[in-house]
Amino acid sequence: MKIIAVIPARYNSTRFPGKLMEKLGDKTVIATTYQNVVATGLFQDVFVATDSEIIYDEILQNGGKAVMTGEHETGSDRIAEAVNNIDCDIVINVQGDEPFLKTEPLKQLIQVFEEDRAQEISLASLKIQLQDYEDVQNPNNVKVITDNNGYALYFSRSVIPYPRETSVPTLYYKHIGVYAFRKEALLKFSQLEQKPLEIAEKIECIRYLEYGMKIKMIETQFVGVGIDTPEDLEKAKKLLK
């Protein structure tokens, strides 16, 4: 299998415009993410996919590879355009605002496809248990519930499952936006019409579920910092130190 990583990077993010070009130490957030993904040694190639000339130039000036794309609603749609003419079997999507992703979770995602002999899994992704109920209630944290085999049943910004019965403990998992796709599933995704659930929640992987595709969730213990707000950037700077 040829495995590559693609980092979708949009300059004008809704909550924190320009965040990928903010400084994290002596490098920008996007350059840090790119270099950390390359440093894992897991991929035959690593690209940034962006519609921003600013980000495109930043990656090239730091010795990296970037692909210019059109404007897209989701990162998956952007990656699909970027890899359409790239020879690969598996595409790992690493978010540009997740600079501290570790090697082990990426290995686990790759292993899903190495073990999927029947090639039934369209994509794999990561989840981490939430300990603080305030984090569970935060709509910026996308929650996921799975079946007994670890396949995603649903993703939501709401509290799922809802703890109506309080006599037994309820476990909550946050979806970490790192995906591993089969290339053909990714290209199919980009051709599918958005349905009401995805539009309502603004969670792109719901589209896969609405069209009956399988998503394997892998639990990780990794705790990093996704940079969604200026406050997150300050946390990331402290973590870097």
Protein backbone atom coordinates (compact mmCIF):
# COMPACT_ATOMS: atom_id res chain seq x y z
CA MET A 1 0.00 0.00 0.00
CA LYS A 2 1.18 3.49 -0.80
CA ILE A 3 0.32 5.73 2.14
CA ILE A 4 0.50 9.52 2.04
CA ALA A 5 -0.51 12.32 4.42
CA VAL A 6 -2.41 15.43 3.38
CA ILE A 7 -2.93 18.45 5.64
CA PRO A 8 -5.94 20.57 4.63
CA ALA A 9 -5.20 24.20 5.44
CA ARG A 10 -7.68 27.07 5.15
CA TYR A 11 -6.48 30.58 5.97
CA ASN A 12 -9.83 32.17 6.86
CA SER A 13 -11.07 29.83 9.57
CA THR A 14 -14.34 30.91 11.18
CA ARG A 15 -13.35 31.05 14.85
CA PHE A 16 -9.71 32.14 14.53
CA PRO A 17 -8.86 33.62 11.09
CA GLY A 18 -5.20 33.32 10.14
CA LYS A 19 -4.43 30.91 12.98
CA LEU A 20 -2.27 28.62 10.82
CA MET A 21 0.11 31.49 10.16
CA GLU A 22 0.44 32.40 13.84
CA LYS A 23 3.85 31.75 15.37
CA LEU A 24 4.45 28.68 17.50
CA GLY A 25 8.00 29.11 18.72
CA ASP A 26 10.09 30.18 15.73
CA LYS A 27 7.78 28.58 13.12
CA THR A 28 4.18 29.06 12.06
CA VAL A 29 1.50 26.62 13.20
CA ILE A 30 1.13 25.11 9.71
CA ALA A 31 4.90 24.73 9.20
CA THR A 32 5.18 23.05 12.61
CA THR A 33 2.39 20.62 11.78
CA TYR A 34 3.88 19.79 8.38
CA GLN A 35 7.37 19.16 9.73
CA ASN A 36 6.05 17.03 12.60
CA VAL A 37 4.06 14.84 10.18
CA VAL A 38 7.12 14.36 7.95
CA ALA A 39 9.22 13.51 11.02
CA THR A 40 7.02 10.49 11.84
CA GLY A 41 8.59 8.65 8.88
CA LEU A 42 5.30 6.85 8.20
CA PHE A 43 4.47 8.31 4.82
CA GLN A 44 5.83 8.06 1.29
CA ASP A 45 4.78 11.69 0.78
CA VAL A 46 3.28 14.60 2.72
CA PHE A 47 1.36 17.51 1.19
CA VAL A 48 -0.49 20.60 2.40
CA ALA A 49 -3.75 21.21 0.49
CA THR A 50 -4.82 24.86 0.58
CA ASP A 51 -6.69 27.58 -1.27
CA SER A 52 -4.45 30.23 0.29
CA GLU A 53 -1.39 31.54 -1.53
CA ILE A 54 -0.04 32.69 1.84
CA ILE A 55 -0.06 29.15 3.24
CA TYR A 56 1.10 27.65 -0.07
CA ASP A 57 4.14 29.95 -0.13
CA GLU A 58 4.85 29.30 3.56
CA ILE A 59 5.13 25.56 3.00
CA LEU A 60 7.28 25.86 -0.11
CA GLN A 61 9.60 28.34 1.59
CA ASN A 62 10.10 25.78 4.38
CA GLY A 63 11.04 23.04 1.90
CA GLY A 64 7.67 21.30 1.91
CA LYS A 65 5.13 20.24 -0.71
CA ALA A 66 1.79 21.96 -1.23
CA VAL A 67 -1.16 21.67 -3.61
CA MET A 68 -3.44 24.59 -4.47
CA THR A 69 -7.15 23.73 -4.46
CA GLY A 70 -10.41 25.55 -4.97
CA GLU A 71 -12.66 26.61 -2.10
CA HIS A 72 -14.41 23.78 -0.25
CA GLU A 73 -16.93 23.34 2.54
CA THR A 74 -14.96 20.53 4.21
CA GLY A 75 -11.39 19.38 4.60
CA SER A 76 -12.27 16.02 3.05
CA ASP A 77 -13.54 17.69 -0.11
CA ARG A 78 -10.32 19.70 -0.29
CA ILE A 79 -8.19 16.58 0.14
CA ALA A 80 -10.18 14.72 -2.51
CA GLU A 81 -9.33 17.41 -5.05
CA ALA A 82 -5.68 17.41 -3.97
CA VAL A 83 -5.17 13.63 -4.31
CA ASN A 84 -7.23 13.05 -7.44
CA ASN A 85 -4.12 12.78 -9.60
CA ILE A 86 -1.74 11.46 -6.92
CA ASP A 87 -0.85 7.76 -6.93
CA CYS A 88 -1.76 6.38 -3.49
CA ASP A 89 -3.95 3.81 -1.73
CA ILE A 90 -4.44 5.31 1.73
CA VAL A 91 -4.64 9.00 2.59
CA ILE A 92 -4.12 10.21 6.15
CA ASN A 93 -5.76 13.56 6.86
CA VAL A 94 -3.95 15.47 9.59
CA GLN A 95 -5.55 18.75 10.64
CA GLY A 96 -3.34 21.79 10.13
CA ASP A 97 -4.24 23.07 13.59
CA GLU A 98 -3.15 19.83 15.36
CA PRO A 99 0.64 20.40 15.47
CA PHE A 100 1.49 17.90 18.22
CA LEU A 101 0.05 14.67 16.86
CA LYS A 102 2.17 11.68 17.87
CA THR A 103 3.39 8.76 15.77
CA GLU A 104 1.57 5.95 17.61
CA PRO A 105 -2.03 7.03 16.77
CA LEU A 106 -1.06 7.37 13.12
CA LYS A 107 0.39 3.85 13.18
CA GLN A 108 -2.88 2.58 14.66
CA LEU A 109 -4.88 4.14 11.82
CA ILE A 110 -2.63 2.60 9.20
CA GLN A 111 -2.93 -0.80 10.93
CA VAL A 112 -6.72 -0.69 10.50
CA PHE A 113 -6.28 -0.95 6.73
CA GLU A 114 -3.47 -3.48 6.93
CA GLU A 115 -5.85 -5.79 8.83
CA ASP A 116 -8.95 -5.04 6.72
CA ARG A 117 -8.54 -7.95 4.29
CA ALA A 118 -12.06 -7.61 2.91
CA GLN A 119 -11.55 -3.87 2.33
CA GLU A 120 -14.87 -3.04 3.99
CA ILE A 121 -13.69 0.01 5.94
CA SER A 122 -13.95 3.35 4.16
CA LEU A 123 -12.11 5.34 6.77
CA ALA A 124 -10.67 5.21 10.27
CA SER A 125 -10.42 7.96 12.84
CA LEU A 126 -9.46 8.68 16.45
CA LYS A 127 -11.37 9.24 19.68
CA ILE A 128 -10.31 10.10 23.22
CA GLN A 129 -12.29 9.78 26.43
CA LEU A 130 -13.56 13.02 27.94
CA GLN A 131 -13.19 13.30 31.70
CA ASP A 132 -14.68 16.73 32.40
CA TYR A 133 -18.45 17.12 31.89
CA GLU A 134 -17.89 20.74 30.90
CA ASP A 135 -15.88 19.41 27.94
CA VAL A 136 -18.71 17.00 27.14
CA GLN A 137 -21.17 19.90 26.98
CA ASN A 138 -18.89 22.07 24.83
CA PRO A 139 -20.28 22.06 21.24
CA ASN A 140 -16.77 22.68 19.89
CA ASN A 141 -15.95 19.13 21.04
CA VAL A 142 -17.50 16.68 18.59
CA LYS A 143 -18.64 13.55 20.42
CA VAL A 144 -18.82 10.06 18.90
CA ILE A 145 -20.65 6.88 19.86
CA THR A 146 -19.73 3.46 18.46
CA ASP A 147 -21.05 -0.09 18.30
CA ASN A 148 -19.41 -3.00 20.13
CA ASN A 149 -16.89 -3.45 17.30
CA GLY A 150 -15.73 0.14 17.34
CA TYR A 151 -17.62 1.32 14.28
CA ALA A 152 -19.08 4.82 14.49
CA LEU A 153 -22.83 5.06 14.97
CA TYR A 154 -23.07 8.85 15.13
CA PHE A 155 -21.16 12.08 15.71
CA SER A 156 -22.65 15.15 17.37
CA ARG A 157 -21.88 18.49 18.96
CA SER A 158 -24.61 17.68 21.46
CA VAL A 159 -24.16 15.44 24.52
CA ILE A 160 -24.29 11.84 23.29
CA PRO A 161 -25.25 9.56 24.85
CA TYR A 162 -27.70 11.61 26.93
CA PRO A 163 -27.37 10.48 30.59
CA ARG A 164 -31.05 9.95 31.41
CA GLU A 165 -30.13 6.98 33.62
CA THR A 166 -27.64 8.17 36.25
CA SER A 167 -27.22 4.97 38.26
CA VAL A 168 -24.53 3.67 35.87
CA PRO A 169 -21.46 5.55 34.63
CA THR A 170 -21.61 7.00 31.13
CA LEU A 171 -18.50 7.23 28.99
CA TYR A 172 -18.03 10.10 26.56
CA TYR A 173 -15.58 10.26 23.69
CA LYS A 174 -14.31 13.22 21.73
CA HIS A 175 -13.68 12.76 18.04
CA ILE A 176 -10.17 13.86 17.07
CA GLY A 177 -10.19 15.13 13.49
CA VAL A 178 -7.50 12.85 12.12
CA TYR A 179 -8.74 10.53 9.37
CA ALA A 180 -7.35 7.68 7.30
CA PHE A 181 -9.21 7.18 4.01
CA ARG A 182 -9.18 4.67 1.25
CA LYS A 183 -8.56 6.88 -1.76
CA GLU A 184 -11.59 5.54 -3.65
CA ALA A 185 -13.86 6.23 -0.64
CA LEU A 186 -12.52 9.76 -0.38
CA LEU A 187 -13.13 10.47 -4.07
CA LYS A 188 -16.63 9.00 -3.76
CA PHE A 189 -17.29 11.22 -0.72
CA SER A 190 -16.52 14.35 -2.71
CA GLN A 191 -19.19 13.45 -5.26
CA LEU A 192 -21.93 12.84 -2.69
CA GLU A 193 -24.54 15.47 -1.92
CA GLN A 194 -24.57 16.89 1.61
CA LYS A 195 -27.56 15.61 3.58
CA PRO A 196 -29.51 17.31 6.41
CA LEU A 197 -27.66 15.70 9.34
CA GLU A 198 -24.23 16.79 8.10
CA ILE A 199 -25.53 20.27 7.29
CA ALA A 200 -27.19 20.65 10.70
CA GLU A 201 -24.19 19.45 12.75
CA LYS A 202 -21.47 20.77 10.41
CA ILE A 203 -19.57 17.49 10.86
CA GLU A 204 -18.28 16.14 7.56
CA CYS A 205 -17.85 12.47 8.57
CA ILE A 206 -21.62 12.22 9.11
CA ARG A 207 -21.85 12.18 5.30
CA TYR A 208 -20.12 8.80 5.25
CA LEU A 209 -22.63 7.41 7.77
CA GLU A 210 -25.61 8.83 5.91
CA TYR A 211 -24.48 6.96 2.79
CA GLY A 212 -23.83 3.69 4.65
CA MET A 213 -20.03 3.67 4.72
CA LYS A 214 -18.06 2.16 7.63
CA ILE A 215 -15.95 4.30 9.96
CA LYS A 216 -13.63 2.48 12.36
CA MET A 217 -12.83 4.46 15.53
CA ILE A 218 -9.57 3.93 17.38
CA GLU A 219 -9.25 5.04 21.01
CA THR A 220 -6.10 6.96 21.82
CA GLN A 221 -4.62 8.35 25.02
CA PHE A 222 -2.89 11.20 23.20
CA VAL A 223 -3.69 14.61 24.64
CA GLY A 224 -2.55 17.49 22.45
CA VAL A 225 -3.87 20.92 21.65
CA GLY A 226 -6.13 21.61 18.71
CA ILE A 227 -5.82 25.32 17.97
CA ASP A 228 -9.35 26.66 17.53
CA THR A 229 -9.06 29.90 19.53
CA PRO A 230 -6.38 32.39 20.62
CA GLU A 231 -6.52 30.75 24.05
CA ASP A 232 -5.68 27.38 22.47
CA LEU A 233 -2.66 28.98 20.82
CA GLU A 234 -1.37 30.11 24.20
CA LYS A 235 -1.82 26.55 25.54
CA ALA A 236 0.11 25.22 22.54
CA LYS A 237 2.96 27.64 23.19
CA LYS A 238 3.19 26.43 26.79
CA LEU A 239 3.14 22.79 25.63
CA LEU A 240 5.94 23.53 23.15
CA LYS A 241 8.09 24.92 25.96
